[in-house]
Amino acid sequence: MAALIRFHRDTPPERYKHPRLGVVELVVSARARRVSISVRASGDVRLTRPRAVSRRRALEFLDSRVDWVEQARERLAAKRAALPPQLSPEEERARTEALRRAAHADLPPRIERLARQTGLHYAGLTIRAARTKWGSCSGRNTISLSLYLMTLPEHLRDFVILHELCHTVHHDHSPRFHALLDRLTGGHEKELTRELKRFTIRG
């Protein structure tokens, strides 16, 4: 006789009014192994618990994590506020072309100035609509920069260019590479790297 495979369905979500967090969705899941909290991009909160964990214990866990939930909501709200307004395809093309013109006016003299100041030499420069990297350096020391660098503050544009110029000496991310970049940024490499990570390429 063939074995029966039973599929356990989750119970319908319950809407619970929390005194600080507002409405929270409570879910009992057959697949859950522990109590967990998720905060969606909209700020909505879901509390998921296994069948073996009581509702009371799950709510106690939620109460212990209220500060974390509120901080997560604040981070998500800040990200939403930083997003540019949704553009139509025509507006997006116009924006890209405007950034391209600005990049061709700004980036060549900028990299030339930084190369002269640091004594580092590059073979050539290309400017592309790259959406995955701010910049790159080939094995032949040709540097490619994303036109979306124009969305960054000027000091971070300089930092990206210095990063790629350092790759003309060290084609890796070895300690020697980081030591050179840190020296050229006045000991601020880690700080600038953290700041750059707060930005994303939005093409």
Protein backbone atom coordinates (compact mmCIF):
# COMPACT_ATOMS: atom_id res chain seq x y z
CA MET A 1 0.00 0.00 0.00
CA ALA A 2 1.39 3.37 -0.95
CA ALA A 3 2.18 5.68 1.94
CA LEU A 4 -0.04 8.70 2.34
CA ILE A 5 1.61 12.12 2.25
CA ARG A 6 -0.30 14.69 4.25
CA PHE A 7 -0.05 18.34 3.41
CA HIS A 8 -0.68 20.58 6.39
CA ARG A 9 -2.13 23.90 5.42
CA ASP A 10 -1.42 27.05 7.35
CA THR A 11 -4.34 28.46 9.27
CA PRO A 12 -5.80 31.74 7.96
CA PRO A 13 -3.87 34.78 9.26
CA GLU A 14 -5.23 36.61 12.30
CA ARG A 15 -5.08 40.38 12.59
CA TYR A 16 -3.91 41.40 16.05
CA LYS A 17 -3.87 45.00 17.33
CA HIS A 18 -0.59 45.57 19.15
CA PRO A 19 -0.50 48.61 21.49
CA ARG A 20 2.73 50.00 19.95
CA LEU A 21 3.03 48.39 16.53
CA GLY A 22 -0.56 48.61 15.40
CA VAL A 23 -2.05 45.78 13.35
CA VAL A 24 0.19 42.69 13.22
CA GLU A 25 -0.57 39.63 11.11
CA LEU A 26 -0.39 36.42 13.15
CA VAL A 27 0.30 33.24 11.20
CA VAL A 28 0.41 29.64 12.42
CA SER A 29 2.57 27.67 10.01
CA ALA A 30 3.09 23.94 9.75
CA ARG A 31 6.46 24.63 8.15
CA ALA A 32 7.76 27.01 10.80
CA ARG A 33 10.31 25.67 13.25
CA ARG A 34 10.50 28.72 15.46
CA VAL A 35 8.76 32.00 16.13
CA SER A 36 9.85 34.67 13.65
CA ILE A 37 9.02 38.26 12.82
CA SER A 38 9.16 39.78 9.36
CA VAL A 39 8.79 43.43 8.42
CA ARG A 40 7.76 44.12 4.85
CA ALA A 41 8.86 47.09 2.76
CA SER A 42 5.44 48.65 3.43
CA GLY A 43 6.10 48.46 7.19
CA ASP A 44 3.54 45.69 7.73
CA VAL A 45 4.55 43.18 10.42
CA ARG A 46 3.99 39.43 10.36
CA LEU A 47 4.48 37.14 13.37
CA THR A 48 4.83 33.47 12.42
CA ARG A 49 4.79 30.61 14.90
CA PRO A 50 4.85 26.79 14.73
CA ARG A 51 1.76 24.91 15.81
CA ALA A 52 3.59 23.72 18.92
CA VAL A 53 4.12 27.29 20.18
CA SER A 54 1.19 28.97 21.91
CA ARG A 55 -0.22 32.30 20.82
CA ARG A 56 0.67 33.78 24.22
CA ARG A 57 4.34 32.78 23.93
CA ALA A 58 4.52 34.13 20.38
CA LEU A 59 3.09 37.48 21.49
CA GLU A 60 5.57 37.60 24.37
CA PHE A 61 8.34 37.15 21.80
CA LEU A 62 6.86 39.99 19.75
CA ASP A 63 6.78 42.25 22.84
CA SER A 64 10.47 41.54 23.44
CA ARG A 65 11.31 42.64 19.88
CA VAL A 66 9.23 45.80 19.60
CA ASP A 67 12.29 48.09 19.51
CA TRP A 68 13.83 45.97 16.74
CA VAL A 69 10.61 46.12 14.70
CA GLU A 70 10.39 49.90 15.05
CA GLN A 71 14.03 50.30 13.99
CA ALA A 72 13.42 48.04 10.98
CA ARG A 73 10.42 50.15 10.01
CA GLU A 74 12.52 53.32 10.25
CA ARG A 75 15.25 51.84 8.03
CA LEU A 76 12.70 50.74 5.43
CA ALA A 77 10.98 54.13 5.51
CA ALA A 78 14.33 55.86 4.94
CA LYS A 79 15.02 53.60 1.96
CA ARG A 80 11.59 54.35 0.49
CA ALA A 81 12.16 58.09 0.93
CA ALA A 82 15.53 57.84 -0.86
CA LEU A 83 14.05 56.16 -3.93
CA PRO A 84 13.61 58.44 -6.92
CA PRO A 85 10.09 58.90 -8.24
CA GLN A 86 8.98 56.35 -10.82
CA LEU A 87 9.71 57.71 -14.28
CA SER A 88 8.07 56.93 -17.58
CA PRO A 89 10.31 55.24 -20.23
CA GLU A 90 10.69 58.58 -22.04
CA GLU A 91 11.62 60.39 -18.83
CA GLU A 92 14.06 57.61 -17.93
CA ARG A 93 15.79 57.86 -21.32
CA ALA A 94 16.03 61.63 -20.96
CA ARG A 95 17.48 61.24 -17.47
CA THR A 96 20.07 58.73 -18.68
CA GLU A 97 21.13 60.98 -21.54
CA ALA A 98 21.44 63.93 -19.16
CA LEU A 99 23.63 61.85 -16.86
CA ARG A 100 25.68 60.69 -19.86
CA ARG A 101 26.38 64.27 -20.93
CA ALA A 102 27.26 65.26 -17.37
CA ALA A 103 29.55 62.23 -16.99
CA HIS A 104 31.45 62.99 -20.20
CA ALA A 105 31.95 66.56 -19.03
CA ASP A 106 32.94 65.70 -15.45
CA LEU A 107 34.70 62.33 -15.29
CA PRO A 108 37.58 62.65 -17.82
CA PRO A 109 39.08 65.78 -16.22
CA ARG A 110 38.35 64.36 -12.77
CA ILE A 111 40.31 61.13 -13.34
CA GLU A 112 43.09 63.07 -15.07
CA ARG A 113 43.41 65.36 -12.05
CA LEU A 114 43.46 62.46 -9.58
CA ALA A 115 45.97 60.50 -11.67
CA ARG A 116 48.25 63.54 -11.77
CA GLN A 117 47.92 64.11 -8.02
CA THR A 118 48.64 60.49 -7.11
CA GLY A 119 51.20 59.67 -9.78
CA LEU A 120 49.14 56.67 -10.93
CA HIS A 121 48.79 55.99 -14.65
CA TYR A 122 45.88 54.49 -16.57
CA ALA A 123 45.77 53.43 -20.21
CA GLY A 124 42.37 54.83 -21.13
CA LEU A 125 38.89 55.70 -19.94
CA THR A 126 35.48 54.49 -21.05
CA ILE A 127 32.14 55.73 -19.70
CA ARG A 128 29.22 53.31 -19.82
CA ALA A 129 25.70 52.98 -18.45
CA ALA A 130 26.87 50.21 -16.11
CA ARG A 131 24.32 49.23 -13.48
CA THR A 132 26.25 46.57 -11.57
CA LYS A 133 29.49 48.39 -10.73
CA TRP A 134 30.50 51.98 -10.23
CA GLY A 135 33.78 51.28 -11.99
CA SER A 136 36.27 48.66 -13.10
CA CYS A 137 39.87 48.37 -14.26
CA SER A 138 41.01 45.93 -16.94
CA GLY A 139 44.25 43.95 -16.92
CA ARG A 140 45.63 46.51 -19.37
CA ASN A 141 44.76 49.38 -17.01
CA THR A 142 41.83 50.71 -18.99
CA ILE A 143 39.36 52.16 -16.52
CA SER A 144 35.61 52.00 -17.08
CA LEU A 145 33.31 54.27 -15.09
CA SER A 146 29.54 54.16 -14.80
CA LEU A 147 27.76 57.32 -15.87
CA TYR A 148 25.62 56.83 -12.74
CA LEU A 149 28.61 58.09 -10.74
CA MET A 150 27.02 61.45 -11.42
CA THR A 151 24.33 60.58 -8.86
CA LEU A 152 26.98 60.41 -6.11
CA PRO A 153 28.42 63.26 -4.05
CA GLU A 154 31.67 64.55 -5.53
CA HIS A 155 33.88 63.10 -2.79
CA LEU A 156 32.49 59.62 -3.47
CA ARG A 157 33.08 60.05 -7.21
CA ASP A 158 36.71 60.77 -6.32
CA PHE A 159 36.81 57.73 -4.06
CA VAL A 160 35.53 55.38 -6.78
CA ILE A 161 38.08 56.76 -9.24
CA LEU A 162 40.90 56.41 -6.71
CA HIS A 163 39.78 52.83 -6.10
CA GLU A 164 40.11 52.04 -9.80
CA LEU A 165 43.42 53.91 -10.11
CA CYS A 166 44.82 51.77 -7.30
CA HIS A 167 43.92 48.73 -9.41
CA THR A 168 46.45 49.90 -11.99
CA VAL A 169 49.07 48.95 -9.39
CA HIS A 170 47.37 46.02 -7.64
CA HIS A 171 44.85 44.08 -9.75
CA ASP A 172 43.22 42.55 -6.69
CA HIS A 173 41.87 43.50 -3.28
CA SER A 174 44.95 42.40 -1.39
CA PRO A 175 46.20 44.09 1.79
CA ARG A 176 48.66 46.05 -0.38
CA PHE A 177 45.77 47.38 -2.49
CA HIS A 178 43.82 48.49 0.60
CA ALA A 179 46.93 50.02 2.15
CA LEU A 180 47.50 52.12 -0.99
CA LEU A 181 43.87 53.23 -1.20
CA ASP A 182 43.80 54.02 2.52
CA ARG A 183 46.94 56.16 2.17
CA LEU A 184 45.55 58.05 -0.83
CA THR A 185 42.30 58.78 1.03
CA GLY A 186 44.06 60.07 4.12
CA GLY A 187 43.23 57.00 6.20
CA HIS A 188 39.50 57.11 5.39
CA GLU A 189 39.12 54.08 3.11
CA LYS A 190 36.86 52.10 5.45
CA GLU A 191 34.72 55.13 6.27
CA LEU A 192 34.28 55.99 2.57
CA THR A 193 33.53 52.37 1.69
CA ARG A 194 30.75 52.28 4.28
CA GLU A 195 29.34 55.54 2.95
CA LEU A 196 29.42 54.31 -0.65
CA LYS A 197 27.50 51.16 0.31
CA ARG A 198 24.56 53.33 1.29
CA PHE A 199 24.13 54.22 -2.38
CA THR A 200 22.85 51.96 -5.15
CA ILE A 201 23.01 52.40 -8.90
CA ARG A 202 19.54 53.30 -10.07
CA GLY A 203 19.48 53.13 -13.81
